[in-house]
Protein backbone atom coordinates (compact mmCIF):
# COMPACT_ATOMS: atom_id res chain seq x y z
CA UNK A 1 -131.33 -43.10 94.04
CA UNK A 2 -127.70 -43.94 94.82
CA UNK A 3 -126.70 -46.73 97.17
CA UNK A 4 -125.22 -45.59 100.46
CA UNK A 5 -122.04 -46.51 102.30
CA UNK A 6 -121.41 -46.05 106.02
CA UNK A 7 -117.74 -45.31 106.65
CA UNK A 8 -116.33 -45.94 110.15
CA UNK A 9 -112.59 -45.29 109.62
CA UNK A 10 -111.84 -43.87 113.07
CA UNK A 11 -109.93 -41.00 111.43
CA UNK A 12 -110.33 -39.47 107.99
CA UNK A 13 -109.21 -36.56 105.82
CA UNK A 14 -108.66 -33.60 106.16
CA UNK A 15 -106.66 -35.06 109.05
CA UNK A 16 -103.41 -35.87 107.23
CA UNK A 17 -102.11 -39.37 107.78
CA UNK A 18 -100.95 -42.19 105.50
CA UNK A 19 -104.05 -44.23 106.36
CA UNK A 20 -106.59 -41.39 106.03
CA UNK A 21 -105.29 -40.62 102.53
CA UNK A 22 -105.36 -44.33 101.71
CA UNK A 23 -109.03 -44.56 102.68
CA UNK A 24 -109.99 -41.43 100.77
CA UNK A 25 -108.31 -42.65 97.58
CA UNK A 26 -110.03 -46.03 97.85
CA UNK A 27 -113.47 -44.46 98.25
CA UNK A 28 -113.46 -41.29 96.12
CA UNK A 29 -114.32 -42.96 92.79
CA UNK A 30 -117.22 -45.05 94.09
CA UNK A 31 -120.61 -43.93 92.79
CA UNK A 32 -122.13 -43.94 96.27
CA UNK A 33 -123.36 -41.48 98.85
CA UNK A 34 -121.07 -41.78 101.87
CA UNK A 35 -121.57 -40.88 105.52
CA UNK A 36 -118.28 -40.79 107.43
CA UNK A 37 -118.51 -41.27 111.20
CA UNK A 38 -115.11 -40.47 112.68
CA UNK A 39 -113.08 -38.78 115.39
CA UNK A 40 -112.22 -35.14 114.83
CA UNK A 41 -108.53 -34.79 113.96
CA UNK A 42 -106.50 -31.68 113.30
CA UNK A 43 -107.15 -30.37 109.79
CA UNK A 44 -104.19 -30.16 107.47
CA UNK A 45 -104.51 -26.82 105.65
CA UNK A 46 -102.75 -27.82 102.43
CA UNK A 47 -104.63 -31.15 102.27
CA UNK A 48 -107.94 -29.35 102.84
CA UNK A 49 -107.14 -27.05 99.92
CA UNK A 50 -106.62 -30.09 97.69
CA UNK A 51 -109.85 -31.66 98.89
CA UNK A 52 -111.88 -28.49 98.32
CA UNK A 53 -110.64 -28.42 94.71
CA UNK A 54 -111.59 -32.10 94.28
CA UNK A 55 -115.16 -32.37 92.96
CA UNK A 56 -115.46 -35.90 94.40
CA UNK A 57 -114.92 -34.71 97.98
CA UNK A 58 -118.48 -33.35 98.14
CA UNK A 59 -119.96 -36.88 98.19
CA UNK A 60 -118.62 -37.37 101.75
CA UNK A 61 -120.90 -36.27 104.57
CA UNK A 62 -119.09 -36.03 107.93
CA UNK A 63 -120.46 -36.88 111.35
CA UNK A 64 -117.84 -36.10 114.00
CA UNK A 65 -117.55 -37.52 117.48
CA UNK A 66 -114.71 -37.16 120.05
CA UNK A 67 -111.31 -35.48 119.54
CA UNK A 68 -108.87 -37.88 117.85
CA UNK A 69 -105.91 -37.10 120.13
CA UNK A 70 -107.98 -38.01 123.17
CA UNK A 71 -109.68 -41.07 121.68
CA UNK A 72 -106.50 -42.57 120.12
CA UNK A 73 -103.75 -41.33 122.48
CA UNK A 74 -100.71 -42.72 120.60
CA UNK A 75 -98.40 -40.05 121.98
CA UNK A 76 -100.22 -39.38 125.25
CA UNK A 77 -100.06 -42.50 127.47
CA UNK A 78 -101.68 -40.73 130.44
CA UNK A 79 -104.80 -40.21 128.34
CA UNK A 80 -105.23 -43.94 127.75
CA UNK A 81 -108.04 -44.49 130.33
CA UNK A 82 -110.09 -41.71 128.73
CA UNK A 83 -109.14 -43.04 125.30
CA UNK A 84 -110.52 -46.48 126.14
CA UNK A 85 -113.83 -44.92 127.19
CA UNK A 86 -114.04 -42.87 124.00
CA UNK A 87 -113.16 -45.87 121.82
CA UNK A 88 -115.91 -47.91 123.49
CA UNK A 89 -118.33 -45.01 122.95
CA UNK A 90 -117.33 -44.88 119.27
CA UNK A 91 -118.21 -48.54 118.79
CA UNK A 92 -121.67 -48.13 120.34
CA UNK A 93 -122.39 -44.80 118.64
CA UNK A 94 -121.36 -46.21 115.26
CA UNK A 95 -124.18 -48.75 115.44
CA UNK A 96 -126.67 -46.04 116.43
CA UNK A 97 -125.62 -43.84 113.49
CA UNK A 98 -125.72 -46.78 111.08
CA UNK A 99 -129.30 -47.60 112.04
CA UNK A 100 -130.53 -44.12 111.15
CA UNK A 101 -130.39 -44.86 107.39
CA UNK A 102 -130.48 -47.74 104.93
CA UNK A 103 -126.88 -48.57 103.97
CA UNK A 104 -125.78 -51.19 101.46
CA UNK A 105 -122.05 -50.96 102.19
CA UNK A 106 -119.82 -50.58 105.24
CA UNK A 107 -116.14 -49.54 105.25
CA UNK A 108 -113.54 -49.72 108.04
CA UNK A 109 -109.77 -49.32 108.40
CA UNK A 110 -107.14 -51.19 110.45
CA UNK A 111 -105.75 -47.91 111.81
CA UNK A 112 -107.11 -47.08 114.27
CA UNK A 113 -108.02 -50.66 115.05
CA UNK A 114 -111.22 -49.71 116.85
CA UNK A 115 -112.60 -48.99 113.37
CA UNK A 116 -112.81 -52.74 112.61
CA UNK A 117 -114.41 -53.40 116.01
CA UNK A 118 -117.12 -50.83 115.27
CA UNK A 119 -117.77 -52.35 111.84
CA UNK A 120 -117.86 -55.85 113.30
CA UNK A 121 -120.54 -54.82 115.80
CA UNK A 122 -122.64 -53.42 112.94
CA UNK A 123 -122.10 -56.53 110.79
CA UNK A 124 -123.14 -58.84 113.61
CA UNK A 125 -126.49 -57.08 114.00
CA UNK A 126 -126.96 -56.39 110.29
CA UNK A 127 -125.41 -59.34 108.40
CA UNK A 128 -126.96 -58.12 105.12
CA UNK A 129 -124.60 -55.13 104.86
CA UNK A 130 -121.51 -55.64 102.65
CA UNK A 131 -118.47 -54.95 104.82
CA UNK A 132 -115.22 -53.79 103.18
CA UNK A 133 -112.24 -53.94 105.57
CA UNK A 134 -109.08 -52.03 104.65
CA UNK A 135 -105.59 -52.99 105.83
CA UNK A 136 -102.22 -51.22 105.83
CA UNK A 137 -99.68 -52.69 108.28
CA UNK A 138 -100.32 -56.10 109.89
CA UNK A 139 -101.15 -56.26 113.61
CA UNK A 140 -101.11 -60.02 114.22
CA UNK A 141 -97.58 -61.41 114.18
CA UNK A 142 -96.10 -57.93 113.78
CA UNK A 143 -92.33 -58.11 114.33
CA UNK A 144 -92.33 -54.42 115.24
CA UNK A 145 -94.08 -55.22 118.53
CA UNK A 146 -91.15 -57.40 119.60
CA UNK A 147 -88.53 -55.02 118.17
CA UNK A 148 -90.02 -52.04 120.03
CA UNK A 149 -89.18 -53.64 123.41
CA UNK A 150 -85.64 -54.68 122.56
CA UNK A 151 -83.10 -53.09 124.90
CA UNK A 152 -85.75 -51.08 126.77
CA UNK A 153 -86.16 -50.83 130.53
CA UNK A 154 -89.03 -52.47 132.43
CA UNK A 155 -91.12 -49.29 132.81
CA UNK A 156 -90.98 -48.64 129.06
CA UNK A 157 -91.94 -52.25 128.30
CA UNK A 158 -94.94 -52.08 130.63
CA UNK A 159 -96.18 -48.78 129.16
CA UNK A 160 -95.58 -49.92 125.57
CA UNK A 161 -97.33 -53.26 126.04
CA UNK A 162 -100.35 -51.64 127.69
CA UNK A 163 -100.58 -49.14 124.83
CA UNK A 164 -100.04 -51.83 122.17
CA UNK A 165 -102.74 -54.03 123.73
CA UNK A 166 -105.16 -51.10 123.62
CA UNK A 167 -104.29 -49.63 120.21
CA UNK A 168 -102.76 -52.52 118.20
CA UNK A 169 -104.56 -55.55 119.57
CA UNK A 170 -104.56 -58.65 117.33
CA UNK A 171 -108.32 -58.89 117.75
CA UNK A 172 -108.81 -55.69 115.72
CA UNK A 173 -107.39 -57.50 112.72
CA UNK A 174 -108.91 -60.91 113.45
CA UNK A 175 -112.57 -59.82 113.50
CA UNK A 176 -112.20 -58.13 110.11
CA UNK A 177 -110.31 -60.98 108.44
CA UNK A 178 -112.90 -63.50 109.59
CA UNK A 179 -116.12 -61.53 109.17
CA UNK A 180 -115.72 -58.86 106.46
CA UNK A 181 -117.02 -59.54 102.95
CA UNK A 182 -114.02 -57.94 101.24
CA UNK A 183 -110.45 -57.49 102.45
CA UNK A 184 -108.33 -54.76 100.86
CA UNK A 185 -104.52 -54.81 100.94
CA UNK A 186 -101.82 -52.57 99.46
CA UNK A 187 -99.65 -55.40 98.11
CA UNK A 188 -99.48 -59.17 97.74
CA UNK A 189 -96.84 -59.57 100.45
CA UNK A 190 -98.98 -57.80 103.02
CA UNK A 191 -101.98 -59.92 102.06
CA UNK A 192 -100.07 -63.20 102.26
CA UNK A 193 -98.29 -62.36 105.54
CA UNK A 194 -101.63 -61.46 107.13
CA UNK A 195 -103.83 -64.25 105.79
CA UNK A 196 -101.39 -67.15 106.14
CA UNK A 197 -101.73 -66.81 109.92
CA UNK A 198 -105.36 -67.94 109.64
CA UNK A 199 -107.06 -71.21 108.62
CA UNK A 200 -108.51 -71.32 105.09
CA UNK A 201 -105.92 -69.06 103.48
CA UNK A 202 -107.20 -69.77 99.95
CA UNK A 203 -110.78 -68.95 100.93
CA UNK A 204 -109.70 -65.69 102.57
CA UNK A 205 -107.57 -64.83 99.55
CA UNK A 206 -110.62 -65.18 97.29
CA UNK A 207 -112.39 -62.35 99.11
CA UNK A 208 -109.30 -60.12 98.98
CA UNK A 209 -108.29 -57.42 96.51
CA UNK A 210 -105.06 -55.49 96.03
CA UNK A 211 -105.50 -51.72 95.88
CA UNK A 212 -101.93 -50.39 95.64
CA UNK A 213 -100.47 -47.07 96.73
CA UNK A 214 -101.67 -44.51 94.20
CA UNK A 215 -101.73 -40.83 93.33
CA UNK A 216 -104.63 -38.63 92.18
CA UNK A 217 -103.61 -37.02 88.86
CA UNK A 218 -105.74 -33.89 89.38
CA UNK A 219 -104.18 -32.97 92.72
CA UNK A 220 -101.58 -30.20 92.64
CA UNK A 221 -99.41 -31.90 95.26
CA UNK A 222 -98.92 -34.82 92.87
CA UNK A 223 -98.76 -32.73 89.73
CA UNK A 224 -95.92 -30.86 91.41
CA UNK A 225 -93.98 -34.13 91.68
CA UNK A 226 -94.72 -35.18 88.12
CA UNK A 227 -93.36 -31.91 86.74
CA UNK A 228 -90.03 -32.20 88.55
CA UNK A 229 -87.09 -31.41 86.27
CA UNK A 230 -83.81 -33.35 86.55
CA UNK A 231 -81.08 -31.87 88.76
CA UNK A 232 -77.37 -32.36 88.40
CA UNK A 233 -75.38 -31.37 91.45
CA UNK A 234 -71.63 -31.77 91.10
CA UNK A 235 -71.72 -33.66 94.40
CA UNK A 236 -74.73 -35.98 94.25
CA UNK A 237 -77.29 -35.28 96.96
CA UNK A 238 -78.94 -38.47 98.25
CA UNK A 239 -81.87 -38.11 100.67
CA UNK A 240 -83.97 -40.23 102.99
CA UNK A 241 -87.00 -38.71 104.70
CA UNK A 242 -88.50 -40.65 107.59
CA UNK A 243 -87.69 -42.34 110.87
CA UNK A 244 -84.94 -44.94 111.20
CA UNK A 245 -86.01 -47.23 114.02
CA UNK A 246 -86.81 -50.82 114.94
CA UNK A 247 -86.36 -53.05 111.90
CA UNK A 248 -85.27 -50.24 109.60
CA UNK A 249 -81.67 -51.12 110.27
CA UNK A 250 -78.77 -49.24 108.66
CA UNK A 251 -75.78 -51.27 109.95
CA UNK A 252 -74.86 -52.64 106.52
CA UNK A 253 -75.31 -49.24 104.93
CA UNK A 254 -72.97 -47.55 107.45
CA UNK A 255 -70.43 -50.35 107.00
CA UNK A 256 -70.61 -49.85 103.22
CA UNK A 257 -69.97 -46.13 103.63
CA UNK A 258 -67.05 -46.81 105.96
CA UNK A 259 -65.40 -49.21 103.48
CA UNK A 260 -66.06 -46.96 100.47
CA UNK A 261 -64.52 -44.02 102.31
CA UNK A 262 -61.33 -46.05 102.72
CA UNK A 263 -61.36 -47.41 99.15
CA UNK A 264 -62.54 -44.47 97.01
CA UNK A 265 -60.44 -41.34 96.80
CA UNK A 266 -62.41 -38.11 97.34
CA UNK A 267 -65.67 -39.99 97.98
CA UNK A 268 -66.87 -37.04 100.04
CA UNK A 269 -66.67 -34.85 96.92
CA UNK A 270 -68.81 -37.24 94.89
CA UNK A 271 -71.84 -37.95 97.08
CA UNK A 272 -73.45 -37.06 100.39
CA UNK A 273 -76.40 -38.77 102.08
CA UNK A 274 -78.95 -36.75 104.07
CA UNK A 275 -81.18 -38.23 106.77
CA UNK A 276 -84.26 -36.19 107.77
CA UNK A 277 -86.07 -37.21 110.98
CA UNK A 278 -85.34 -39.57 113.86
CA UNK A 279 -82.29 -41.84 113.94
CA UNK A 280 -81.25 -44.17 116.76
CA UNK A 281 -78.44 -43.17 119.15
CA UNK A 282 -76.31 -46.28 118.45
CA UNK A 283 -76.33 -45.35 114.75
CA UNK A 284 -75.29 -41.78 115.55
CA UNK A 285 -72.36 -43.17 117.56
CA UNK A 286 -71.28 -45.34 114.60
CA UNK A 287 -71.38 -42.35 112.28
CA UNK A 288 -69.11 -40.38 114.61
CA UNK A 289 -66.78 -43.28 115.44
CA UNK A 290 -66.19 -43.98 111.74
CA UNK A 291 -65.83 -40.34 110.73
CA UNK A 292 -68.83 -40.42 108.38
CA UNK A 293 -70.23 -36.98 109.22
CA UNK A 294 -69.27 -35.57 105.80
CA UNK A 295 -70.92 -38.52 104.04
CA UNK A 296 -74.06 -38.92 106.16
CA UNK A 297 -75.60 -35.65 107.36
CA UNK A 298 -78.37 -35.66 109.97
CA UNK A 299 -81.30 -33.22 109.95
CA UNK A 300 -84.46 -32.66 111.97
CA UNK A 301 -87.84 -33.82 110.72
CA UNK A 302 -89.43 -31.49 108.14
CA UNK A 303 -93.01 -30.83 107.05
CA UNK A 304 -94.51 -32.72 104.11
CA UNK A 305 -94.35 -29.55 102.00
CA UNK A 306 -90.64 -29.14 102.77
CA UNK A 307 -90.00 -32.84 102.16
CA UNK A 308 -91.41 -32.57 98.63
CA UNK A 309 -89.01 -29.74 97.80
CA UNK A 310 -86.10 -31.72 99.26
CA UNK A 311 -86.99 -34.78 97.16
CA UNK A 312 -87.37 -32.66 94.03
CA UNK A 313 -83.91 -31.15 94.54
CA UNK A 314 -82.25 -34.50 95.26
CA UNK A 315 -80.12 -36.45 92.79
CA UNK A 316 -80.77 -39.78 94.55
CA UNK A 317 -83.63 -41.08 96.70
CA UNK A 318 -82.78 -43.59 99.44
CA UNK A 319 -85.24 -46.15 100.75
CA UNK A 320 -84.34 -47.80 104.08
CA UNK A 321 -86.75 -50.72 104.14
CA UNK A 322 -87.87 -52.97 107.00
CA UNK A 323 -85.29 -55.76 107.10
CA UNK A 324 -86.43 -59.29 108.02
CA UNK A 325 -83.80 -61.47 106.29
CA UNK A 326 -84.87 -64.75 107.92
CA UNK A 327 -88.58 -64.39 107.18
CA UNK A 328 -90.51 -65.95 104.31
CA UNK A 329 -92.34 -62.66 103.71
CA UNK A 330 -91.60 -59.07 104.72
CA UNK A 331 -95.02 -57.37 104.51
CA UNK A 332 -94.23 -53.69 105.06
CA UNK A 333 -94.36 -51.25 102.15
CA UNK A 334 -93.32 -47.65 102.91
CA UNK A 335 -95.76 -45.14 101.41
CA UNK A 336 -92.90 -42.93 100.21
CA UNK A 337 -92.10 -45.46 97.47
CA UNK A 338 -95.00 -44.02 95.44
CA UNK A 339 -93.54 -40.51 95.54
CA UNK A 340 -90.09 -41.87 94.77
CA UNK A 341 -91.39 -43.63 91.66
CA UNK A 342 -93.27 -40.51 90.53
CA UNK A 343 -90.05 -38.47 90.62
CA UNK A 344 -88.18 -40.87 88.29
CA UNK A 345 -84.82 -40.37 89.98
CA UNK A 346 -82.15 -42.97 90.86
CA UNK A 347 -83.24 -44.97 93.92
CA UNK A 348 -80.90 -46.73 96.33
CA UNK A 349 -83.08 -49.40 97.92
CA UNK A 350 -81.78 -51.01 101.12
CA UNK A 351 -84.17 -53.96 100.84
CA UNK A 352 -84.20 -57.73 101.24
CA UNK A 353 -85.54 -59.83 98.37
CA UNK A 354 -88.54 -60.95 100.48
CA UNK A 355 -90.02 -57.44 100.59
CA UNK A 356 -92.58 -55.64 98.40
CA UNK A 357 -90.19 -52.70 97.96
CA UNK A 358 -87.56 -54.99 96.44
CA UNK A 359 -90.09 -56.55 94.05
CA UNK A 360 -91.60 -53.22 93.00
CA UNK A 361 -88.28 -51.46 92.42
CA UNK A 362 -87.07 -54.40 90.34
CA UNK A 363 -90.30 -54.33 88.31
CA UNK A 364 -89.65 -50.66 87.50
CA UNK A 365 -86.15 -51.50 86.31
CA UNK A 366 -84.04 -50.37 89.26
CA UNK A 367 -80.87 -52.45 89.66
CA UNK A 368 -79.54 -50.64 92.74
CA UNK A 369 -81.42 -52.69 95.33
CA UNK A 370 -80.08 -54.98 98.09
CA UNK A 371 -79.18 -55.06 101.76
CA UNK A 372 -75.76 -56.66 102.28
CA UNK A 373 -72.65 -54.50 102.58
CA UNK A 374 -71.01 -55.54 99.31
CA UNK A 375 -74.19 -55.03 97.28
CA UNK A 376 -74.76 -51.60 98.83
CA UNK A 377 -71.17 -50.58 98.02
CA UNK A 378 -71.56 -51.63 94.38
CA UNK A 379 -74.92 -49.88 94.12
CA UNK A 380 -73.57 -46.61 95.53
CA UNK A 381 -70.68 -46.71 93.04
CA UNK A 382 -73.14 -47.44 90.23
CA UNK A 383 -75.25 -44.42 91.22
CA UNK A 384 -72.16 -42.16 91.42
CA UNK A 385 -70.94 -43.16 87.97
CA UNK A 386 -74.21 -43.65 86.09
CA UNK A 387 -76.12 -40.63 84.75
CA UNK A 388 -78.59 -42.43 82.49
CA UNK A 389 -82.13 -41.13 82.03
CA UNK A 390 -84.87 -42.93 83.94
CA UNK A 391 -88.32 -43.36 82.42
CA UNK A 392 -91.29 -45.72 82.79
CA UNK A 393 -95.09 -45.69 82.80
CA UNK A 394 -96.91 -44.58 85.96
CA UNK A 395 -100.25 -46.11 84.99
CA UNK A 396 -100.07 -48.69 87.79
CA UNK A 397 -99.93 -45.81 90.29
CA UNK A 398 -102.83 -43.82 88.82
CA UNK A 399 -105.75 -43.90 91.26
CA UNK A 400 -108.23 -43.48 88.40
CA UNK A 401 -107.44 -47.00 87.22
CA UNK A 402 -108.81 -48.72 90.31
CA UNK A 403 -112.23 -47.10 90.62
CA UNK A 404 -114.82 -49.62 91.65
CA UNK A 405 -112.78 -52.72 92.55
CA UNK A 406 -113.89 -52.47 96.19
CA UNK A 407 -117.54 -53.13 95.38
CA UNK A 408 -117.32 -55.15 92.14
CA UNK A 409 -118.98 -58.56 92.56
CA UNK A 410 -120.07 -57.82 96.13
């Protein structure tokens, strides 16, 4: 008879989110029977098709509770009072569901944070269960909390801080760091940034594992990326897909474009950068004031399916990283870096050397990484003039290689 795991992730696939996919990948290769107690999110049709083709999906048994958009009202502030009630109900109901069977393992996720609170309640009453706590972005000490309020009016600050206290409370992270048996991080920088804020860093590090961003080789959505053929547009098409906000600053990049436009004849015939999704109004003003519209084109957000086709047809992939130049560690790793690496195209990384993106891109041999204006200028020129083939092993990204590290030695 197989051992059982009780999974309280808050949200889970087929709801499509960076964190739900992260949890599924971390759990799919475990030789366990798994009951998943979660909120009901909107099913992603294309993701559900992948899951139904995946033989390992059948090991997950789902027990649904409240609607995710009501329980975790990220984009609906007026629903917050109801959300708080539903989150509290989730914590209490998780314990009730757990006590219906004999579970050896317990799994929770930092997003939504109430997941760790539910697991902590179970662990307190049942200390024998082995609790695995998964982390993505740090809550405690998050510089994004401070950046989100910068330049905002009082009403916005009040609403944001109430929402952040409810949805991104430091306590959600603290209870898991202190009480879980195993802590799972996506990279060393995230682990160190998180754990160095607590006493006994070395002891906490010992119970931590790194489970990086990975792909599932059998899935068509990833196979589609792996089979991408090189493109060769006369004018190189460089793309970035994702929001530009907060600490994803592009000031140095825009300054580099401005100076290159003045220094390089016919630059607009050699390369164009495309931004898909949100960009801040001050940045839009800079683009217009400096006449960069023909070098930096703005587009609306697109679906994941469309974004894949855009990346496949691009000559260059751009990564605008979180910039924290004065910090010892920058802990944020954008999930798109995995897809970028799978495509084996030139990557322009706007990264500081304290970030995981900088380290990873350097490890894969990319020499077009940096965040100051002069470095960015040189890197853009290098990308325009260099047409060398890019190749490397993707074994470090293969999900099959990580299998049972969550439960080994527990």
